[in-house]
Amino acid sequence: MTTDNKETKFISEETQKLYPLKFEPILKPVLWGGSDICRFKNLKSLQDGIGESWEISGVQGNVSVIANGPLAGTSIDELLIRAGEALAGKKVYERFGDTFPLLIKFIDAKDDLSIQVHPDDALSKARHNSFGKTEMWYVVNATPGAYLYSGFKKNMTPEAYVEAVHNNTFTDTLQKHEVKTGDVFFLPAGRVHAIGAGCFIAEIQQTSDITYRIYDFNRKDASGRSRELHTELAKDAIDYRVYDSYKTDYERNVNQPVKLVTCPYFTTVLLEMDIPMMRHYTNLDSFVIYICMAGHCTIKDDKGNTDIIRQGESMLIPADTKSVMIIPGESSRLLETFVE
């Protein structure tokens, strides 16, 4: 970033304008997509077959655009270049530069998704010049009997993994989890996983679109072709260890913040409330994202800005904000995520 007087003046003026930001959703029509995303988000144009809504994204080719206020029409990467640490936080900006570090999604699976894995930072950098992909899932809704896969249930080796894929027995090696609203799964890079039919999920992840497809149940497309598998690429990316638990357990506590996940890439907190709650960010040095799971809330920041976040919406609070008051219009549920 240049530091001449003209640029510095421009950045200073830009940061003075920062306020709680909403973004235009990037809707992804796919064969396995369901019918719930547009309804959940209360969009005027209802579309079926939407598998994902990218809520906040800095992924090249899918960069989010601001939807509200004076900065409407500005992309998040453009604003990050202009506002820098005032938007992202000093430590966050020094670490990630002009790449927004998190990708926020809703995922609606009408059919089973392929079984996949994501490489870590080192492997992603070496192979793709990209960040790795650690992520988490929060189950927004699930039909009765809906399930997902996360992790192995028995010891595996790279050779046994390849053999199981070729023998069509790979699902037998995975831990299957029946899910319900509120379930949380943390998925560090390297963990094999898949979303099953009937799952509606909020996903928080590193800014990366690198996915290795391991197994696709031998499905064919309309032309009779199988989708490409990345069996060999995945071999070096997989964490073959078996863990005692793959689900994140937590105790609900209405009107108190409940920490769900803490990792080097994001921390996520559950806020369930029916009375106002003040959140202080003076010592955080990061942007904060709210994702509304249910109800709606009025957000008032310390700069005098006020806006409403509704079910299915996401809102980015710039890092130079010192505090916000969250006033629920009814019993409401938010995910709060930031970088520590």
Protein backbone atom coordinates (compact mmCIF):
# COMPACT_ATOMS: atom_id res chain seq x y z
CA MET A 1 0.00 0.00 0.00
CA THR A 2 1.41 3.43 -0.88
CA THR A 3 1.85 5.99 1.86
CA ASP A 4 2.04 9.30 -0.01
CA ASN A 5 -0.04 12.15 1.41
CA LYS A 6 -2.84 11.84 -1.11
CA GLU A 7 -3.30 8.11 -0.45
CA THR A 8 -3.06 8.56 3.32
CA LYS A 9 -5.74 11.27 3.21
CA PHE A 10 -7.98 9.02 1.11
CA ILE A 11 -7.58 6.10 3.52
CA SER A 12 -8.31 8.36 6.49
CA GLU A 13 -11.51 9.62 4.89
CA GLU A 14 -12.49 6.08 3.93
CA THR A 15 -12.08 4.69 7.44
CA GLN A 16 -14.24 7.44 8.90
CA LYS A 17 -17.11 6.07 6.81
CA LEU A 18 -16.89 2.49 8.05
CA TYR A 19 -20.11 1.11 9.50
CA PRO A 20 -21.78 -2.32 9.89
CA LEU A 21 -21.63 -3.82 6.39
CA LYS A 22 -24.01 -6.17 4.62
CA PHE A 23 -23.27 -7.88 1.33
CA GLU A 24 -25.12 -9.14 -1.72
CA PRO A 25 -25.42 -12.94 -1.46
CA ILE A 26 -23.64 -14.96 -4.15
CA LEU A 27 -26.08 -17.78 -4.93
CA LYS A 28 -24.71 -21.04 -6.32
CA PRO A 29 -27.10 -23.25 -8.35
CA VAL A 30 -25.93 -26.88 -8.29
CA LEU A 31 -27.43 -30.30 -9.00
CA TRP A 32 -27.55 -31.22 -5.31
CA GLY A 33 -28.99 -27.88 -4.19
CA GLY A 34 -32.24 -27.70 -2.23
CA SER A 35 -35.07 -25.19 -1.92
CA ASP A 36 -34.45 -23.62 1.49
CA ILE A 37 -31.76 -20.96 1.06
CA CYS A 38 -33.89 -18.30 -0.63
CA ARG A 39 -36.74 -18.90 1.80
CA PHE A 40 -34.45 -18.86 4.83
CA LYS A 41 -32.93 -15.60 3.64
CA ASN A 42 -36.39 -14.22 2.72
CA LEU A 43 -35.24 -13.27 -0.76
CA LYS A 44 -37.83 -11.78 -3.10
CA SER A 45 -36.82 -14.08 -5.96
CA LEU A 46 -37.27 -17.67 -4.82
CA GLN A 47 -35.08 -20.22 -6.59
CA ASP A 48 -34.83 -23.96 -6.14
CA GLY A 49 -31.61 -25.87 -6.70
CA ILE A 50 -29.46 -23.33 -4.82
CA GLY A 51 -26.83 -25.33 -2.97
CA GLU A 52 -24.80 -22.49 -1.48
CA SER A 53 -25.08 -18.82 -0.65
CA TRP A 54 -21.68 -17.20 -0.24
CA GLU A 55 -22.44 -14.51 2.31
CA ILE A 56 -19.05 -12.85 2.71
CA SER A 57 -16.24 -13.83 0.36
CA GLY A 58 -12.86 -12.61 -0.76
CA VAL A 59 -12.30 -15.61 -3.06
CA GLN A 60 -11.18 -14.41 -6.47
CA GLY A 61 -14.02 -14.68 -8.97
CA ASN A 62 -16.54 -14.68 -6.12
CA VAL A 63 -15.81 -11.44 -4.28
CA SER A 64 -18.64 -10.02 -2.16
CA VAL A 65 -20.10 -6.61 -2.88
CA ILE A 66 -21.45 -4.29 -0.17
CA ALA A 67 -25.24 -4.00 -0.25
CA ASN A 68 -25.99 -1.22 2.26
CA GLY A 69 -25.10 2.39 2.98
CA PRO A 70 -22.76 4.83 1.20
CA LEU A 71 -20.29 2.08 0.26
CA ALA A 72 -22.92 -0.01 -1.56
CA GLY A 73 -21.49 -1.43 -4.77
CA THR A 74 -17.93 -1.53 -3.41
CA SER A 75 -16.29 -4.96 -3.31
CA ILE A 76 -14.82 -6.22 -0.06
CA ASP A 77 -11.34 -6.55 -1.59
CA GLU A 78 -11.49 -2.98 -2.90
CA LEU A 79 -12.52 -1.70 0.54
CA LEU A 80 -9.80 -3.77 2.22
CA ILE A 81 -7.17 -2.15 -0.02
CA ARG A 82 -8.55 1.29 0.84
CA ALA A 83 -9.22 0.88 4.56
CA GLY A 84 -6.66 -1.78 5.56
CA GLU A 85 -6.36 -2.33 9.29
CA ALA A 86 -9.36 -0.11 10.08
CA LEU A 87 -11.51 -2.76 8.41
CA ALA A 88 -9.60 -5.94 9.21
CA GLY A 89 -7.57 -5.12 12.34
CA LYS A 90 -3.85 -4.37 12.55
CA LYS A 91 -2.68 -7.92 13.29
CA VAL A 92 -5.14 -9.44 10.83
CA TYR A 93 -4.07 -7.06 8.07
CA GLU A 94 -0.38 -7.69 8.72
CA ARG A 95 -1.05 -11.43 8.53
CA PHE A 96 -3.37 -11.64 5.52
CA GLY A 97 -2.81 -8.39 3.63
CA ASP A 98 -5.39 -7.49 1.02
CA THR A 99 -7.08 -10.91 1.13
CA PHE A 100 -10.12 -11.09 3.38
CA PRO A 101 -9.34 -14.16 5.51
CA LEU A 102 -12.76 -15.77 6.02
CA LEU A 103 -15.47 -17.18 3.78
CA ILE A 104 -19.02 -17.38 5.17
CA LYS A 105 -21.59 -19.68 3.52
CA PHE A 106 -25.00 -21.25 3.86
CA ILE A 107 -25.21 -24.77 2.40
CA ASP A 108 -28.48 -26.57 1.56
CA ALA A 109 -28.09 -30.21 0.52
CA LYS A 110 -31.01 -31.90 -1.20
CA ASP A 111 -28.74 -34.84 -2.06
CA ASP A 112 -25.56 -36.22 -0.53
CA LEU A 113 -22.46 -34.21 -1.32
CA SER A 114 -19.26 -35.92 -2.37
CA ILE A 115 -16.78 -37.05 0.27
CA GLN A 116 -13.87 -34.65 0.28
CA VAL A 117 -10.88 -33.25 2.11
CA HIS A 118 -9.06 -29.91 2.10
CA PRO A 119 -5.28 -29.43 2.24
CA ASP A 120 -3.60 -27.43 5.00
CA ASP A 121 -1.72 -24.16 4.54
CA ALA A 122 1.62 -25.72 3.68
CA LEU A 123 0.29 -28.12 1.06
CA SER A 124 -2.08 -25.52 -0.40
CA LYS A 125 0.73 -23.01 -0.70
CA ALA A 126 3.04 -25.51 -2.38
CA ARG A 127 0.46 -26.86 -4.83
CA HIS A 128 -1.96 -24.00 -5.43
CA ASN A 129 -0.40 -20.83 -3.98
CA SER A 130 -3.48 -20.66 -1.76
CA PHE A 131 -4.48 -20.70 1.87
CA GLY A 132 -5.50 -24.03 3.33
CA LYS A 133 -9.06 -24.73 4.33
CA THR A 134 -9.98 -25.26 7.96
CA GLU A 135 -13.71 -24.84 8.52
CA MET A 136 -16.61 -25.37 10.89
CA TRP A 137 -20.27 -26.28 10.45
CA TYR A 138 -23.26 -25.12 12.45
CA VAL A 139 -26.42 -27.10 11.65
CA VAL A 140 -29.20 -24.57 11.03
CA ASN A 141 -31.86 -27.17 10.18
CA ALA A 142 -31.94 -30.89 9.45
CA THR A 143 -34.66 -33.22 8.24
CA PRO A 144 -35.34 -36.29 10.40
CA GLY A 145 -32.55 -38.82 9.91
CA ALA A 146 -30.21 -36.36 8.17
CA TYR A 147 -26.54 -37.08 8.71
CA LEU A 148 -23.04 -36.06 7.78
CA TYR A 149 -19.63 -37.71 7.71
CA SER A 150 -16.69 -36.39 9.70
CA GLY A 151 -13.49 -38.32 10.38
CA PHE A 152 -12.51 -41.96 10.39
CA LYS A 153 -14.00 -44.59 12.69
CA LYS A 154 -11.12 -47.04 12.28
CA ASN A 155 -7.41 -46.80 11.71
CA MET A 156 -6.40 -46.11 8.13
CA THR A 157 -3.24 -45.88 6.06
CA PRO A 158 -2.75 -44.18 2.70
CA GLU A 159 -2.72 -47.59 1.03
CA ALA A 160 -5.90 -48.73 2.79
CA TYR A 161 -7.58 -45.44 1.84
CA VAL A 162 -6.84 -45.91 -1.88
CA GLU A 163 -8.02 -49.51 -1.74
CA ALA A 164 -11.28 -48.55 -0.02
CA VAL A 165 -12.01 -45.91 -2.67
CA HIS A 166 -11.39 -48.38 -5.48
CA ASN A 167 -13.47 -51.09 -3.76
CA ASN A 168 -16.41 -48.73 -3.12
CA THR A 169 -16.12 -49.36 0.63
CA PHE A 170 -14.80 -45.96 1.64
CA THR A 171 -17.97 -44.88 3.46
CA ASP A 172 -17.54 -47.90 5.74
CA THR A 173 -14.38 -46.33 7.12
CA LEU A 174 -16.02 -43.02 8.08
CA GLN A 175 -17.76 -41.82 11.21
CA LYS A 176 -21.42 -41.09 10.45
CA HIS A 177 -23.24 -38.52 12.58
CA GLU A 178 -27.00 -38.02 12.66
CA VAL A 179 -27.58 -34.30 13.16
CA LYS A 180 -30.08 -31.81 14.50
CA THR A 181 -30.37 -28.02 14.74
CA GLY A 182 -27.53 -26.52 16.76
CA ASP A 183 -24.99 -29.29 16.20
CA VAL A 184 -21.42 -28.05 15.63
CA PHE A 185 -18.53 -29.76 13.85
CA PHE A 186 -15.01 -28.38 13.62
CA LEU A 187 -13.19 -29.57 10.51
CA PRO A 188 -9.46 -28.85 10.52
CA ALA A 189 -7.71 -29.17 7.18
CA GLY A 190 -7.04 -32.85 6.52
CA ARG A 191 -10.26 -34.18 8.01
CA VAL A 192 -12.34 -36.23 5.57
CA HIS A 193 -15.98 -35.11 5.56
CA ALA A 194 -19.24 -34.89 3.62
CA ILE A 195 -22.65 -33.27 4.08
CA GLY A 196 -25.63 -35.59 3.73
CA ALA A 197 -29.04 -34.95 2.19
CA GLY A 198 -31.39 -32.90 4.34
CA CYS A 199 -28.70 -30.80 6.03
CA PHE A 200 -28.91 -27.00 6.04
CA ILE A 201 -25.62 -25.67 7.37
CA ALA A 202 -23.82 -22.41 8.10
CA GLU A 203 -20.13 -22.76 7.24
CA ILE A 204 -17.24 -20.60 8.42
CA GLN A 205 -13.91 -21.29 6.75
CA GLN A 206 -10.59 -19.94 5.61
CA THR A 207 -10.62 -18.07 2.34
CA SER A 208 -9.91 -20.96 0.01
CA ASP A 209 -11.77 -22.88 -2.66
CA ILE A 210 -9.36 -25.84 -2.77
CA THR A 211 -11.24 -29.13 -2.47
CA TYR A 212 -10.08 -32.67 -3.19
CA ARG A 213 -13.01 -34.89 -4.11
CA ILE A 214 -12.36 -38.39 -2.78
CA TYR A 215 -15.52 -40.33 -3.49
CA ASP A 216 -18.78 -39.52 -5.27
CA PHE A 217 -20.82 -42.73 -4.79
CA ASN A 218 -20.19 -43.68 -8.46
CA ARG A 219 -22.76 -41.11 -9.58
CA LYS A 220 -23.08 -40.05 -13.22
CA ASP A 221 -24.21 -36.75 -14.65
CA ALA A 222 -26.89 -36.34 -17.32
CA SER A 223 -24.31 -37.25 -19.97
CA GLY A 224 -23.31 -40.43 -18.16
CA ARG A 225 -19.97 -39.05 -17.01
CA SER A 226 -18.47 -39.39 -13.56
CA ARG A 227 -17.12 -36.33 -11.79
CA GLU A 228 -13.36 -36.08 -11.47
CA LEU A 229 -11.87 -37.59 -8.33
CA HIS A 230 -8.65 -36.41 -6.70
CA THR A 231 -7.65 -39.69 -5.08
CA GLU A 232 -3.90 -39.21 -5.37
CA LEU A 233 -3.89 -35.51 -4.48
CA ALA A 234 -5.97 -36.27 -1.39
CA LYS A 235 -3.61 -39.01 -0.21
CA ASP A 236 -1.06 -36.50 1.08
CA ALA A 237 -3.69 -34.14 2.48
CA ILE A 238 -5.65 -36.59 4.68
CA ASP A 239 -5.26 -36.83 8.44
CA TYR A 240 -5.55 -40.60 8.95
CA ARG A 241 -5.74 -40.48 12.74
CA VAL A 242 -8.84 -41.59 14.66
CA TYR A 243 -10.14 -39.17 17.28
CA ASP A 244 -12.31 -39.80 20.31
CA SER A 245 -14.90 -37.26 19.19
CA TYR A 246 -15.60 -35.30 16.03
CA LYS A 247 -18.58 -33.29 17.24
CA THR A 248 -18.15 -30.09 19.26
CA ASP A 249 -20.10 -30.34 22.51
CA TYR A 250 -21.28 -27.18 24.26
CA GLU A 251 -23.89 -26.07 26.76
CA ARG A 252 -26.46 -23.51 25.68
CA ASN A 253 -26.64 -20.41 27.86
CA VAL A 254 -29.27 -17.88 26.83
CA ASN A 255 -28.15 -14.25 27.14
CA GLN A 256 -24.54 -15.30 27.69
CA PRO A 257 -21.88 -15.78 24.96
CA VAL A 258 -20.96 -19.44 24.40
CA LYS A 259 -17.63 -20.13 22.71
CA LEU A 260 -17.96 -22.90 20.11
CA VAL A 261 -14.65 -23.00 18.23
CA THR A 262 -11.22 -21.44 18.71
CA CYS A 263 -8.47 -22.06 16.16
CA PRO A 264 -5.68 -20.03 14.54
CA TYR A 265 -8.02 -18.94 11.73
CA PHE A 266 -11.23 -17.98 13.54
CA THR A 267 -13.06 -18.00 16.83
CA THR A 268 -16.83 -18.50 16.80
CA VAL A 269 -19.25 -17.67 19.59
CA LEU A 270 -22.96 -18.49 19.87
CA LEU A 271 -25.21 -15.66 21.05
CA GLU A 272 -28.76 -16.67 21.95
CA MET A 273 -30.68 -13.79 23.47
CA ASP A 274 -34.03 -12.32 24.34
CA ILE A 275 -32.64 -9.21 26.08
CA PRO A 276 -30.08 -6.64 24.86
CA MET A 277 -26.40 -7.59 25.00
CA MET A 278 -23.34 -5.31 24.83
CA ARG A 279 -20.23 -6.62 23.07
CA HIS A 280 -16.88 -4.86 23.60
CA TYR A 281 -14.07 -5.07 21.01
CA THR A 282 -11.47 -2.57 22.28
CA ASN A 283 -8.81 -5.25 22.74
CA LEU A 284 -9.82 -7.56 19.89
CA ASP A 285 -7.97 -6.05 16.89
CA SER A 286 -10.17 -7.88 14.36
CA PHE A 287 -13.30 -7.41 12.34
CA VAL A 288 -16.37 -9.24 13.70
CA ILE A 289 -18.96 -11.06 11.61
CA TYR A 290 -22.49 -11.76 12.76
CA ILE A 291 -24.54 -14.47 11.03
CA CYS A 292 -28.22 -14.50 12.00
CA MET A 293 -29.58 -18.01 12.53
CA ALA A 294 -33.02 -17.02 13.84
CA GLY A 295 -35.03 -13.90 14.63
CA HIS A 296 -33.64 -10.42 14.06
CA CYS A 297 -31.55 -7.92 16.01
CA THR A 298 -30.86 -4.21 15.93
CA ILE A 299 -27.12 -3.51 15.93
CA LYS A 300 -25.96 -0.15 17.35
CA ASP A 301 -22.25 0.65 17.25
CA ASP A 302 -20.19 3.19 19.20
CA LYS A 303 -20.00 5.49 16.15
CA GLY A 304 -23.76 6.12 16.13
CA ASN A 305 -24.61 3.67 13.32
CA THR A 306 -27.74 1.51 13.58
CA ASP A 307 -28.87 -1.35 11.36
CA ILE A 308 -30.95 -4.52 11.58
CA ILE A 309 -29.71 -8.04 10.92
CA ARG A 310 -32.39 -10.57 10.06
CA GLN A 311 -32.50 -14.35 9.77
CA GLY A 312 -30.29 -15.47 6.89
CA GLU A 313 -28.24 -12.27 6.81
CA SER A 314 -24.59 -11.69 7.67
CA MET A 315 -23.05 -8.44 8.86
CA LEU A 316 -19.41 -7.37 9.11
CA ILE A 317 -18.44 -5.04 11.95
CA PRO A 318 -15.21 -3.18 11.03
CA ALA A 319 -12.22 -3.59 13.34
CA ASP A 320 -12.14 0.08 14.33
CA THR A 321 -15.51 -0.38 16.06
CA LYS A 322 -15.05 -0.45 19.84
CA SER A 323 -18.42 -1.82 20.92
CA VAL A 324 -21.89 -2.74 19.73
CA MET A 325 -25.23 -3.07 21.46
CA ILE A 326 -27.30 -5.99 20.16
CA ILE A 327 -31.03 -5.59 20.74
CA PRO A 328 -33.10 -8.66 19.82
CA GLY A 329 -36.51 -7.98 18.36
CA GLU A 330 -37.56 -11.41 19.60
CA SER A 331 -35.73 -14.53 20.76
CA SER A 332 -32.79 -14.44 18.37
CA ARG A 333 -29.68 -16.48 17.63
CA LEU A 334 -26.44 -15.20 16.13
CA LEU A 335 -23.06 -16.67 15.34
CA GLU A 336 -20.26 -14.23 16.07
CA THR A 337 -16.89 -14.91 14.45
CA PHE A 338 -13.56 -13.08 14.40
CA VAL A 339 -9.79 -13.69 14.20
CA GLU A 340 -7.84 -13.72 17.49
